[in-house]
């Protein structure tokens, strides 16, 4: 090895060409990264500020006013909009309906999606067609799906009416009954988003090493043992992600309800978003509607960050 002699008599290894090249590369890489950041970050920050941060701040500001959306808000009412909101029985009904949709999604939709994903995960003849059939409702627009199911539930001319006629009965007007309307909507929600979660689970199942299943079968494990001790643990991150999407989507449910019931009858099918639209936007009570939006935003943010920190911190 070549050396460099110092004046004090110390001898140090001379830098080779390879080490000098290694020192030069990071500077070019850092410079390239900085250029990319400086080029793409300002437009992203500008768009986020204009279409996310500013509207959120404006909604928070308007929630402290009694304002109809015209002119400049001047009638400052403080927290009265929030007090009126939580005293409104329709809003409490909306909260209960959101909770019902969450429970229905977690207890019915996701287990069915997981069971179907286990059946269709293997690449055999015919599974692709079944995946497409179950995924088609998710592709369908929410408004179109709502209109289709509104016809299905029609007590005079819909599919439900025909089925009841076959059995010699008179079909109920499901969407007009406050006790039945929300459960009818829950069926539509499960039908609509079932395929999305099924495809999500199939993608996770196909990442599991098949040799684990073969080894478990050789050791005499039953199907339930394979499912509970291999499939579910290795699919944990996908299941947690699916639960996250299901809960957040249930909180924000809007598009399906409007063509079906518009929140009626008698506010029995209101959710937080339909309540915001019906009591804030259509009635031109922008201050009150902004208060609803603030509450909805806080619920979503607290859930999202709390869920990520508690259940998805290792994913």
Protein backbone atom coordinates (compact mmCIF):
# COMPACT_ATOMS: atom_id res chain seq x y z
CA UNK A 1 0.00 0.00 0.00
CA UNK A 2 1.28 3.46 -0.85
CA UNK A 3 1.77 5.90 2.03
CA UNK A 4 2.10 9.63 2.71
CA UNK A 5 4.77 10.80 5.18
CA UNK A 6 3.80 13.67 7.50
CA UNK A 7 6.24 16.21 8.79
CA UNK A 8 6.00 14.70 12.27
CA UNK A 9 7.07 11.36 10.97
CA UNK A 10 3.64 9.78 11.05
CA UNK A 11 2.71 7.59 8.17
CA UNK A 12 -0.87 7.46 6.85
CA UNK A 13 -2.35 5.47 4.03
CA UNK A 14 -2.75 7.43 0.84
CA UNK A 15 -6.29 7.72 -0.50
CA UNK A 16 -6.82 5.47 -3.46
CA UNK A 17 -8.77 6.36 -6.58
CA UNK A 18 -11.66 4.20 -5.43
CA UNK A 19 -12.04 5.98 -2.09
CA UNK A 20 -11.93 9.40 -3.79
CA UNK A 21 -14.67 8.31 -6.19
CA UNK A 22 -16.75 7.03 -3.27
CA UNK A 23 -16.51 10.44 -1.59
CA UNK A 24 -17.62 12.30 -4.71
CA UNK A 25 -20.78 10.27 -5.40
CA UNK A 26 -22.90 11.33 -2.38
CA UNK A 27 -22.46 15.02 -3.25
CA UNK A 28 -23.93 14.48 -6.70
CA UNK A 29 -26.74 12.33 -5.30
CA UNK A 30 -27.61 14.85 -2.60
CA UNK A 31 -27.55 17.65 -5.15
CA UNK A 32 -29.91 15.74 -7.45
CA UNK A 33 -32.33 15.03 -4.59
CA UNK A 34 -32.32 18.66 -3.55
CA UNK A 35 -33.15 19.75 -7.09
CA UNK A 36 -36.07 17.33 -7.28
CA UNK A 37 -37.41 18.51 -3.92
CA UNK A 38 -37.10 22.18 -4.87
CA UNK A 39 -38.84 21.52 -8.18
CA UNK A 40 -41.82 19.44 -6.97
CA UNK A 41 -42.38 20.59 -3.38
CA UNK A 42 -43.57 24.20 -3.94
CA UNK A 43 -46.41 23.23 -6.34
CA UNK A 44 -47.54 20.48 -3.96
CA UNK A 45 -47.50 22.88 -0.99
CA UNK A 46 -49.40 25.49 -3.03
CA UNK A 47 -52.12 23.02 -4.05
CA UNK A 48 -52.43 21.65 -0.52
CA UNK A 49 -52.72 25.17 0.88
CA UNK A 50 -55.32 26.32 -1.65
CA UNK A 51 -57.56 23.25 -1.68
CA UNK A 52 -57.07 21.72 1.77
CA UNK A 53 -55.59 24.02 4.40
CA UNK A 54 -57.45 27.22 3.49
CA UNK A 55 -60.91 25.58 3.16
CA UNK A 56 -60.37 23.79 6.48
CA UNK A 57 -59.38 27.03 8.18
CA UNK A 58 -62.33 28.87 6.61
CA UNK A 59 -64.77 26.21 7.80
CA UNK A 60 -63.37 26.46 11.32
CA UNK A 61 -63.74 30.26 11.23
CA UNK A 62 -67.30 30.21 9.82
CA UNK A 63 -68.41 27.72 12.48
CA UNK A 64 -68.33 30.55 15.04
CA UNK A 65 -70.82 32.68 13.07
CA UNK A 66 -74.50 32.60 12.28
CA UNK A 67 -74.01 33.01 8.53
CA UNK A 68 -76.07 32.18 5.46
CA UNK A 69 -73.17 32.25 3.00
CA UNK A 70 -73.78 35.73 1.58
CA UNK A 71 -71.50 38.65 2.25
CA UNK A 72 -69.03 38.75 5.11
CA UNK A 73 -69.94 36.87 8.31
CA UNK A 74 -70.50 39.38 11.13
CA UNK A 75 -72.92 37.71 13.57
CA UNK A 76 -70.42 36.05 15.91
CA UNK A 77 -72.09 33.38 18.09
CA UNK A 78 -69.07 31.60 19.56
CA UNK A 79 -69.70 27.94 20.32
CA UNK A 80 -73.47 28.14 20.01
CA UNK A 81 -73.46 26.26 16.71
CA UNK A 82 -71.66 23.36 18.39
CA UNK A 83 -74.06 23.40 21.35
CA UNK A 84 -77.06 23.38 19.00
CA UNK A 85 -75.45 20.60 17.00
CA UNK A 86 -75.13 18.16 19.89
CA UNK A 87 -78.61 19.07 21.14
CA UNK A 88 -80.11 18.27 17.74
CA UNK A 89 -81.81 14.83 17.84
CA UNK A 90 -81.23 14.33 14.11
CA UNK A 91 -77.48 14.67 14.62
CA UNK A 92 -77.55 12.12 17.44
CA UNK A 93 -79.44 9.81 15.09
CA UNK A 94 -76.77 10.40 12.45
CA UNK A 95 -74.03 9.46 14.91
CA UNK A 96 -75.91 6.29 15.79
CA UNK A 97 -76.35 5.41 12.12
CA UNK A 98 -72.65 5.87 11.44
CA UNK A 99 -71.90 3.58 14.36
CA UNK A 100 -74.39 1.01 13.01
CA UNK A 101 -72.70 1.07 9.60
CA UNK A 102 -69.29 0.61 11.23
CA UNK A 103 -70.51 -2.39 13.24
CA UNK A 104 -72.20 -3.90 10.18
CA UNK A 105 -69.08 -3.46 8.09
CA UNK A 106 -66.77 -5.00 10.67
CA UNK A 107 -69.09 -7.82 11.73
CA UNK A 108 -70.55 -8.83 8.36
CA UNK A 109 -68.80 -7.26 5.39
CA UNK A 110 -65.16 -7.91 6.28
CA UNK A 111 -65.57 -11.53 7.49
CA UNK A 112 -67.53 -12.40 4.34
CA UNK A 113 -64.90 -10.70 2.19
CA UNK A 114 -62.12 -12.62 3.93
CA UNK A 115 -63.94 -15.95 3.57
CA UNK A 116 -64.55 -15.35 -0.12
CA UNK A 117 -60.94 -14.23 -0.61
CA UNK A 118 -59.68 -17.49 0.88
CA UNK A 119 -61.85 -19.42 -1.59
CA UNK A 120 -60.78 -17.36 -4.61
CA UNK A 121 -57.11 -16.69 -3.80
CA UNK A 122 -55.77 -19.75 -5.60
CA UNK A 123 -55.12 -19.35 -9.31
CA UNK A 124 -57.43 -22.01 -10.70
CA UNK A 125 -59.86 -22.00 -13.60
CA UNK A 126 -62.94 -19.83 -12.94
CA UNK A 127 -61.68 -17.81 -9.97
CA UNK A 128 -60.91 -14.75 -12.12
CA UNK A 129 -64.52 -14.60 -13.31
CA UNK A 130 -65.87 -14.81 -9.76
CA UNK A 131 -63.46 -12.09 -8.61
CA UNK A 132 -64.74 -9.84 -11.38
CA UNK A 133 -68.38 -10.54 -10.49
CA UNK A 134 -67.87 -9.66 -6.82
CA UNK A 135 -65.73 -6.61 -7.65
CA UNK A 136 -68.16 -5.09 -10.17
CA UNK A 137 -70.39 -3.38 -7.54
CA UNK A 138 -67.39 -1.44 -6.26
CA UNK A 139 -66.66 -0.13 -9.77
CA UNK A 140 -70.25 1.07 -10.12
CA UNK A 141 -70.75 4.72 -9.18
CA UNK A 142 -72.42 5.28 -5.82
CA UNK A 143 -75.25 7.36 -7.30
CA UNK A 144 -75.98 4.70 -9.93
CA UNK A 145 -75.88 1.95 -7.30
CA UNK A 146 -78.27 3.92 -5.10
CA UNK A 147 -80.74 4.41 -7.96
CA UNK A 148 -80.60 0.70 -8.83
CA UNK A 149 -81.32 -0.34 -5.25
CA UNK A 150 -84.06 2.27 -4.96
CA UNK A 151 -85.82 0.44 -7.78
CA UNK A 152 -85.11 -2.93 -6.14
CA UNK A 153 -86.72 -1.78 -2.89
CA UNK A 154 -89.72 -0.18 -4.62
CA UNK A 155 -92.86 -1.65 -3.07
CA UNK A 156 -94.93 -1.26 -6.25
CA UNK A 157 -92.73 -2.14 -9.22
CA UNK A 158 -89.36 -3.22 -7.81
CA UNK A 159 -87.73 -6.61 -7.52
CA UNK A 160 -88.75 -6.86 -3.87
CA UNK A 161 -92.40 -6.36 -4.83
CA UNK A 162 -92.20 -9.17 -7.41
CA UNK A 163 -90.64 -11.55 -4.91
CA UNK A 164 -93.42 -10.86 -2.41
CA UNK A 165 -96.02 -11.39 -5.13
CA UNK A 166 -94.59 -14.83 -5.83
CA UNK A 167 -95.35 -15.78 -2.22
CA UNK A 168 -98.79 -14.17 -2.34
CA UNK A 169 -97.98 -11.25 -0.07
CA UNK A 170 -97.83 -7.47 -0.28
CA UNK A 171 -94.34 -5.99 -0.37
CA UNK A 172 -93.44 -3.46 2.33
CA UNK A 173 -92.19 -0.02 1.39
CA UNK A 174 -88.81 -0.59 2.97
CA UNK A 175 -87.32 2.84 2.33
CA UNK A 176 -90.44 4.54 3.73
CA UNK A 177 -90.33 2.72 7.05
CA UNK A 178 -88.13 4.47 9.66
CA UNK A 179 -87.52 1.14 11.42
CA UNK A 180 -86.38 -0.66 8.24
CA UNK A 181 -84.79 1.99 6.02
CA UNK A 182 -81.40 2.07 7.72
CA UNK A 183 -81.05 -1.71 7.63
CA UNK A 184 -81.93 -1.66 3.94
CA UNK A 185 -79.14 0.87 3.36
CA UNK A 186 -76.75 -1.28 5.38
CA UNK A 187 -77.39 -4.18 2.98
CA UNK A 188 -76.49 -1.90 0.06
CA UNK A 189 -73.30 -0.77 1.80
CA UNK A 190 -72.21 -4.36 2.40
CA UNK A 191 -73.01 -5.30 -1.21
CA UNK A 192 -71.26 -2.24 -2.64
CA UNK A 193 -67.90 -2.43 -0.85
CA UNK A 194 -67.65 -6.19 -0.31
CA UNK A 195 -65.59 -6.68 -3.47
CA UNK A 196 -63.04 -4.01 -2.58
CA UNK A 197 -62.10 -5.71 0.67
CA UNK A 198 -62.14 -9.14 -1.00
CA UNK A 199 -59.60 -8.02 -3.61
CA UNK A 200 -57.50 -6.45 -0.86
CA UNK A 201 -57.43 -9.75 1.03
CA UNK A 202 -56.66 -11.72 -2.13
CA UNK A 203 -53.64 -9.51 -2.78
CA UNK A 204 -52.44 -10.16 0.77
CA UNK A 205 -53.05 -13.91 0.55
CA UNK A 206 -51.03 -14.23 -2.63
CA UNK A 207 -47.99 -12.82 -0.83
CA UNK A 208 -47.97 -15.67 1.71
CA UNK A 209 -45.41 -18.41 1.04
CA UNK A 210 -47.33 -21.51 -0.08
CA UNK A 211 -44.71 -23.79 1.45
CA UNK A 212 -46.03 -22.83 4.88
CA UNK A 213 -49.40 -24.36 4.03
CA UNK A 214 -47.77 -27.49 2.64
CA UNK A 215 -45.69 -27.93 5.77
CA UNK A 216 -48.77 -27.44 7.97
CA UNK A 217 -50.72 -30.08 6.02
CA UNK A 218 -47.83 -32.52 6.31
CA UNK A 219 -47.85 -31.96 10.08
CA UNK A 220 -51.56 -32.81 10.16
CA UNK A 221 -53.01 -29.33 10.75
CA UNK A 222 -56.72 -28.91 10.06
CA UNK A 223 -58.13 -26.22 7.78
CA UNK A 224 -59.20 -24.13 10.75
CA UNK A 225 -55.76 -24.40 12.35
CA UNK A 226 -54.12 -23.36 9.07
CA UNK A 227 -56.49 -20.43 8.76
CA UNK A 228 -56.23 -19.24 12.37
CA UNK A 229 -52.51 -19.83 12.93
CA UNK A 230 -51.02 -19.11 9.51
CA UNK A 231 -53.39 -17.12 7.31
CA UNK A 232 -54.78 -14.63 9.81
CA UNK A 233 -51.45 -13.76 11.52
CA UNK A 234 -49.61 -13.32 8.20
CA UNK A 235 -52.54 -11.32 6.84
CA UNK A 236 -52.60 -9.06 9.89
CA UNK A 237 -51.35 -5.89 8.19
CA UNK A 238 -53.87 -6.28 5.36
CA UNK A 239 -56.71 -6.87 7.80
CA UNK A 240 -55.78 -3.77 9.78
CA UNK A 241 -55.68 -1.72 6.59
CA UNK A 242 -59.07 -3.09 5.53
CA UNK A 243 -60.57 -2.21 8.92
CA UNK A 244 -59.16 1.30 8.60
CA UNK A 245 -60.78 1.80 5.19
CA UNK A 246 -64.09 0.32 6.38
CA UNK A 247 -64.37 2.57 9.44
CA UNK A 248 -63.27 5.74 7.67
CA UNK A 249 -65.61 5.04 4.75
CA UNK A 250 -68.51 4.37 7.14
CA UNK A 251 -67.94 7.72 8.87
CA UNK A 252 -67.94 9.56 5.52
CA UNK A 253 -70.85 7.70 3.89
CA UNK A 254 -72.93 10.05 1.74
CA UNK A 255 -73.30 9.14 -1.94
CA UNK A 256 -75.30 5.95 -1.44
CA UNK A 257 -77.82 7.48 0.94
CA UNK A 258 -78.81 10.51 -1.12
CA UNK A 259 -80.41 8.64 -4.07
CA UNK A 260 -82.01 6.11 -1.71
CA UNK A 261 -83.60 8.17 1.06
CA UNK A 262 -81.86 11.59 1.22
CA UNK A 263 -81.64 11.02 4.98
CA UNK A 264 -85.34 10.28 5.49
CA UNK A 265 -87.90 9.23 6.41
CA UNK A 266 -88.02 11.50 9.46
CA UNK A 267 -84.21 11.73 9.59
CA UNK A 268 -83.99 8.00 10.32
CA UNK A 269 -81.20 7.41 7.78
CA UNK A 270 -79.12 10.51 8.33
CA UNK A 271 -75.36 10.17 8.62
CA UNK A 272 -73.01 12.95 9.63
CA UNK A 273 -72.30 13.93 6.03
CA UNK A 274 -75.95 13.84 4.89
CA UNK A 275 -76.84 15.83 8.01
CA UNK A 276 -74.23 18.42 7.04
CA UNK A 277 -75.69 18.64 3.53
CA UNK A 278 -79.36 18.69 4.56
CA UNK A 279 -79.08 21.00 7.55
CA UNK A 280 -76.16 23.13 6.44
CA UNK A 281 -75.96 23.44 2.66
CA UNK A 282 -79.58 23.11 1.50
CA UNK A 283 -80.91 25.35 4.29
CA UNK A 284 -78.16 27.92 3.73
CA UNK A 285 -77.01 27.71 7.35
CA UNK A 286 -73.34 27.78 6.45
CA UNK A 287 -72.15 28.53 9.97
CA UNK A 288 -74.03 25.58 11.42
CA UNK A 289 -72.92 23.34 8.55
CA UNK A 290 -69.31 24.41 9.11
CA UNK A 291 -69.64 23.32 12.74
CA UNK A 292 -70.78 19.90 11.53
CA UNK A 293 -67.79 19.78 9.17
CA UNK A 294 -65.40 20.66 11.99
CA UNK A 295 -66.78 17.88 14.19
CA UNK A 296 -66.59 15.40 11.32
CA UNK A 297 -63.02 16.46 10.55
CA UNK A 298 -61.93 16.07 14.16
CA UNK A 299 -63.50 12.61 14.41
CA UNK A 300 -61.74 11.47 11.23
CA UNK A 301 -58.37 12.95 12.23
CA UNK A 302 -58.44 11.56 15.77
CA UNK A 303 -59.44 8.13 14.49
CA UNK A 304 -56.87 8.10 11.67
CA UNK A 305 -53.90 9.16 13.79
CA UNK A 306 -54.98 7.11 16.80
CA UNK A 307 -55.53 3.98 14.71
CA UNK A 308 -52.22 4.43 12.94
CA UNK A 309 -50.35 4.98 16.20
CA UNK A 310 -51.95 2.13 18.14
CA UNK A 311 -52.69 -0.62 15.63
CA UNK A 312 -50.57 0.15 12.55
CA UNK A 313 -47.36 1.46 14.09
CA UNK A 314 -45.40 -1.59 12.89
CA UNK A 315 -46.99 -1.85 9.42
